[in-house]
C-alpha atoms as a PDB file:
ATOM      1  CA  MET A   1     -14.910 -24.697 -69.282  1.00  0.00           C
ATOM      2  CA  ARG A   2     -18.562 -24.348 -68.227  1.00  0.00           C
ATOM      3  CA  VAL A   3     -19.280 -22.679 -64.880  1.00  0.00           C
ATOM      4  CA  THR A   4     -22.459 -23.857 -63.129  1.00  0.00           C
ATOM      5  CA  ASN A   5     -22.464 -21.760 -59.952  1.00  0.00           C
ATOM      6  CA  SER A   6     -23.487 -24.907 -58.126  1.00  0.00           C
ATOM      7  CA  PRO A   7     -23.226 -23.718 -54.482  1.00  0.00           C
ATOM      8  CA  ALA A   8     -25.504 -20.725 -55.060  1.00  0.00           C
ATOM      9  CA  SER A   9     -28.024 -22.801 -57.027  1.00  0.00           C
ATOM     10  CA  ARG A  10     -28.132 -25.458 -54.333  1.00  0.00           C
ATOM     11  CA  LYS A  11     -28.550 -22.824 -51.624  1.00  0.00           C
ATOM     12  CA  ARG A  12     -31.420 -21.221 -53.544  1.00  0.00           C
ATOM     13  CA  ARG A  13     -33.153 -24.572 -54.009  1.00  0.00           C
ATOM     14  CA  ILE A  14     -32.689 -25.589 -50.364  1.00  0.00           C
ATOM     15  CA  ARG A  15     -34.120 -22.206 -49.289  1.00  0.00           C
ATOM     16  CA  MET A  16     -37.218 -22.847 -51.411  1.00  0.00           C
ATOM     17  CA  ILE A  17     -37.660 -26.379 -50.000  1.00  0.00           C
ATOM     18  CA  LYS A  18     -37.409 -24.989 -46.439  1.00  0.00           C
ATOM     19  CA  ALA A  19     -40.021 -22.348 -47.267  1.00  0.00           C
ATOM     20  CA  ALA A  20     -42.350 -25.158 -48.396  1.00  0.00           C
ATOM     21  CA  LYS A  21     -42.082 -26.975 -45.062  1.00  0.00           C
ATOM     22  CA  GLY A  22     -45.521 -28.149 -43.974  1.00  0.00           C
ATOM     23  CA  TYR A  23     -46.875 -28.436 -47.503  1.00  0.00           C
ATOM     24  CA  ARG A  24     -48.246 -31.819 -48.482  1.00  0.00           C
ATOM     25  CA  MET A  25     -46.654 -34.528 -50.626  1.00  0.00           C
ATOM     26  CA  ARG A  26     -44.326 -33.500 -53.461  1.00  0.00           C
ATOM     27  CA  ARG A  27     -44.913 -29.783 -52.787  1.00  0.00           C
ATOM     28  CA  SER A  28     -42.654 -30.077 -49.741  1.00  0.00           C
ATOM     29  CA  LYS A  29     -40.044 -32.438 -51.226  1.00  0.00           C
ATOM     30  CA  LEU A  30     -39.389 -31.559 -54.869  1.00  0.00           C
ATOM     31  CA  TYR A  31     -37.984 -28.192 -55.910  1.00  0.00           C
ATOM     32  CA  ARG A  32     -40.152 -27.731 -58.982  1.00  0.00           C
ATOM     33  CA  TYR A  33     -43.432 -28.191 -57.122  1.00  0.00           C
ATOM     34  CA  ALA A  34     -42.229 -26.456 -53.957  1.00  0.00           C
ATOM     35  CA  SER A  35     -41.270 -23.400 -55.993  1.00  0.00           C
ATOM     36  CA  ASP A  36     -44.723 -23.160 -57.565  1.00  0.00           C
ATOM     37  CA  ALA A  37     -46.460 -23.682 -54.218  1.00  0.00           C
ATOM     38  CA  VAL A  38     -44.362 -21.093 -52.359  1.00  0.00           C
ATOM     39  CA  ASP A  39     -44.773 -18.504 -55.126  1.00  0.00           C
ATOM     40  CA  HIS A  40     -48.532 -19.029 -55.125  1.00  0.00           C
ATOM     41  CA  GLY A  41     -48.622 -18.821 -51.342  1.00  0.00           C
ATOM     42  CA  LEU A  42     -46.756 -15.518 -51.398  1.00  0.00           C
ATOM     43  CA  GLN A  43     -49.267 -14.128 -53.900  1.00  0.00           C
ATOM     44  CA  TYR A  44     -52.142 -15.128 -51.614  1.00  0.00           C
ATOM     45  CA  ALA A  45     -50.355 -13.583 -48.612  1.00  0.00           C
ATOM     46  CA  TYR A  46     -49.849 -10.272 -50.439  1.00  0.00           C
ATOM     47  CA  ARG A  47     -53.464 -10.147 -51.575  1.00  0.00           C
ATOM     48  CA  ASP A  48     -54.950 -11.209 -48.260  1.00  0.00           C
ATOM     49  CA  ARG A  49     -53.043  -8.627 -46.228  1.00  0.00           C
ATOM     50  CA  ARG A  50     -55.301  -6.127 -47.997  1.00  0.00           C
ATOM     51  CA  VAL A  51     -58.441  -8.277 -47.919  1.00  0.00           C
ATOM     52  CA  LYS A  52     -58.062  -8.694 -44.144  1.00  0.00           C
ATOM     53  CA  LYS A  53     -58.612  -4.969 -43.651  1.00  0.00           C
ATOM     54  CA  ARG A  54     -61.872  -5.137 -45.634  1.00  0.00           C
ATOM     55  CA  THR A  55     -63.207  -8.178 -43.840  1.00  0.00           C
ATOM     56  CA  PHE A  56     -62.516  -6.691 -40.410  1.00  0.00           C
ATOM     57  CA  ARG A  57     -64.371  -3.529 -41.401  1.00  0.00           C
ATOM     58  CA  TYR A  58     -67.367  -5.664 -42.472  1.00  0.00           C
ATOM     59  CA  LEU A  59     -67.259  -7.483 -39.142  1.00  0.00           C
ATOM     60  CA  TRP A  60     -67.183  -4.213 -37.205  1.00  0.00           C
ATOM     61  CA  GLN A  61     -70.137  -2.886 -39.203  1.00  0.00           C
ATOM     62  CA  VAL A  62     -72.182  -6.016 -38.459  1.00  0.00           C
ATOM     63  CA  ARG A  63     -71.434  -5.785 -34.729  1.00  0.00           C
ATOM     64  CA  ILE A  64     -72.280  -2.081 -34.575  1.00  0.00           C
ATOM     65  CA  ASN A  65     -75.493  -2.641 -36.540  1.00  0.00           C
ATOM     66  CA  ALA A  66     -76.620  -5.442 -34.210  1.00  0.00           C
ATOM     67  CA  ALA A  67     -75.998  -3.360 -31.102  1.00  0.00           C
ATOM     68  CA  ALA A  68     -77.558  -0.233 -32.604  1.00  0.00           C
ATOM     69  CA  ARG A  69     -80.703  -2.125 -33.630  1.00  0.00           C
ATOM     70  CA  ALA A  70     -80.951  -3.574 -30.131  1.00  0.00           C
ATOM     71  CA  ALA A  71     -80.941   0.032 -28.903  1.00  0.00           C
ATOM     72  CA  GLY A  72     -83.668   0.996 -31.403  1.00  0.00           C
ATOM     73  CA  MET A  73     -81.582   2.613 -34.145  1.00  0.00           C
ATOM     74  CA  THR A  74     -80.190   1.575 -37.508  1.00  0.00           C
ATOM     75  CA  TYR A  75     -76.490   1.485 -38.337  1.00  0.00           C
ATOM     76  CA  SER A  76     -76.619   4.287 -40.884  1.00  0.00           C
ATOM     77  CA  ARG A  77     -78.605   6.632 -38.620  1.00  0.00           C
ATOM     78  CA  PHE A  78     -76.255   5.811 -35.726  1.00  0.00           C
ATOM     79  CA  ILE A  79     -73.136   6.685 -37.737  1.00  0.00           C
ATOM     80  CA  GLU A  80     -74.817   9.795 -39.148  1.00  0.00           C
ATOM     81  CA  GLY A  81     -75.752  10.922 -35.629  1.00  0.00           C
ATOM     82  CA  LEU A  82     -72.233  10.370 -34.314  1.00  0.00           C
ATOM     83  CA  LYS A  83     -70.763  12.397 -37.173  1.00  0.00           C
ATOM     84  CA  ALA A  84     -73.293  15.187 -36.567  1.00  0.00           C
ATOM     85  CA  ALA A  85     -72.380  15.160 -32.868  1.00  0.00           C
ATOM     86  CA  GLY A  86     -68.670  15.355 -33.700  1.00  0.00           C
ATOM     87  CA  CYS A  87     -67.788  12.010 -32.151  1.00  0.00           C
ATOM     88  CA  GLY A  88     -64.395  10.883 -33.441  1.00  0.00           C
ATOM     89  CA  LEU A  89     -64.569   7.170 -32.577  1.00  0.00           C
ATOM     90  CA  ASP A  90     -63.775   4.787 -35.407  1.00  0.00           C
ATOM     91  CA  ARG A  91     -65.655   1.597 -36.223  1.00  0.00           C
ATOM     92  CA  LYS A  92     -63.103  -0.648 -34.554  1.00  0.00           C
ATOM     93  CA  VAL A  93     -63.599   1.044 -31.178  1.00  0.00           C
ATOM     94  CA  LEU A  94     -67.373   1.234 -31.651  1.00  0.00           C
ATOM     95  CA  ALA A  95     -67.541  -2.504 -32.393  1.00  0.00           C
ATOM     96  CA  ASP A  96     -65.450  -3.263 -29.312  1.00  0.00           C
ATOM     97  CA  LEU A  97     -67.754  -1.151 -27.151  1.00  0.00           C
ATOM     98  CA  ALA A  98     -70.798  -2.818 -28.703  1.00  0.00           C
ATOM     99  CA  ALA A  99     -69.435  -6.271 -27.876  1.00  0.00           C
ATOM    100  CA  THR A 100     -68.003  -5.613 -24.407  1.00  0.00           C
ATOM    101  CA  ASP A 101     -69.568  -2.521 -22.794  1.00  0.00           C
ATOM    102  CA  SER A 102     -73.275  -2.146 -23.514  1.00  0.00           C
ATOM    103  CA  ALA A 103     -73.704   0.769 -21.082  1.00  0.00           C
ATOM    104  CA  ALA A 104     -71.121   2.878 -22.905  1.00  0.00           C
ATOM    105  CA  PHE A 105     -72.657   1.942 -26.246  1.00  0.00           C
ATOM    106  CA  THR A 106     -76.092   2.998 -24.993  1.00  0.00           C
ATOM    107  CA  ASN A 107     -74.594   6.381 -24.078  1.00  0.00           C
ATOM    108  CA  LEU A 108     -73.219   6.637 -27.614  1.00  0.00           C
ATOM    109  CA  VAL A 109     -76.683   5.876 -29.017  1.00  0.00           C
ATOM    110  CA  GLY A 110     -78.002   8.780 -26.934  1.00  0.00           C
ATOM    111  CA  ILE A 111     -75.255  11.036 -28.281  1.00  0.00           C
ATOM    112  CA  ALA A 112     -76.116   9.967 -31.830  1.00  0.00           C
ATOM    113  CA  GLN A 113     -79.824  10.669 -31.292  1.00  0.00           C
ATOM    114  CA  GLN A 114     -79.017  14.107 -29.899  1.00  0.00           C
ATOM    115  CA  GLY A 115     -76.720  14.774 -32.856  1.00  0.00           C
ATOM    116  CA  LEU A 116     -79.514  13.880 -35.271  1.00  0.00           C
ATOM    117  CA  LEU A 117     -81.930  16.203 -33.445  1.00  0.00           C
ATOM    118  CA  ASN A 118     -79.400  19.064 -33.579  1.00  0.00           C
ATOM    119  CA  LYS A 119     -78.791  18.398 -37.269  1.00  0.00           C
ATOM    120  CA  ALA A 120     -82.531  18.493 -38.011  1.00  0.00           C
ATOM    121  CA  ALA A 121     -82.909  21.718 -35.994  1.00  0.00           C
ATOM    122  CA  GLU A 122     -80.057  23.383 -37.906  1.00  0.00           C
ATOM    123  CA  LYS A 123     -81.573  22.294 -41.208  1.00  0.00           C
ATOM    124  CA  ALA A 124     -84.972  23.673 -40.196  1.00  0.00           C
ATOM    125  CA  ALA A 125     -83.382  26.957 -39.093  1.00  0.00           C
ATOM    126  CA  LYS A 126     -81.670  27.356 -42.492  1.00  0.00           C
ATOM    127  CA  SER A 127     -84.887  26.866 -44.456  1.00  0.00           C
END
């Protein structure tokens, strides 16, 4: 006698159809197409959880660059000055300050400029 394991198969198929809820046309109704659509969607979700981190970093860099240029400094010189000054703020916090608190960001630009001056003085002292 052939055993089909019907309850488990039906449960698996129903679970896939429920996961495809909101998809259009046959992708939400038929198991074969729903399975393909859900699998593809999961691949995109896995990939884009990593891509999201990159795109947010790009966004933060653009915001910092815009605010730094408004204060008379380029992005790369600003970051270099902050590192020379020993400022431990990351780009996420810097971008938030650039967007919401221009006075604090202006203070950071001053810190970066001072850090660059100290770095140049140390370099001149070594040579």
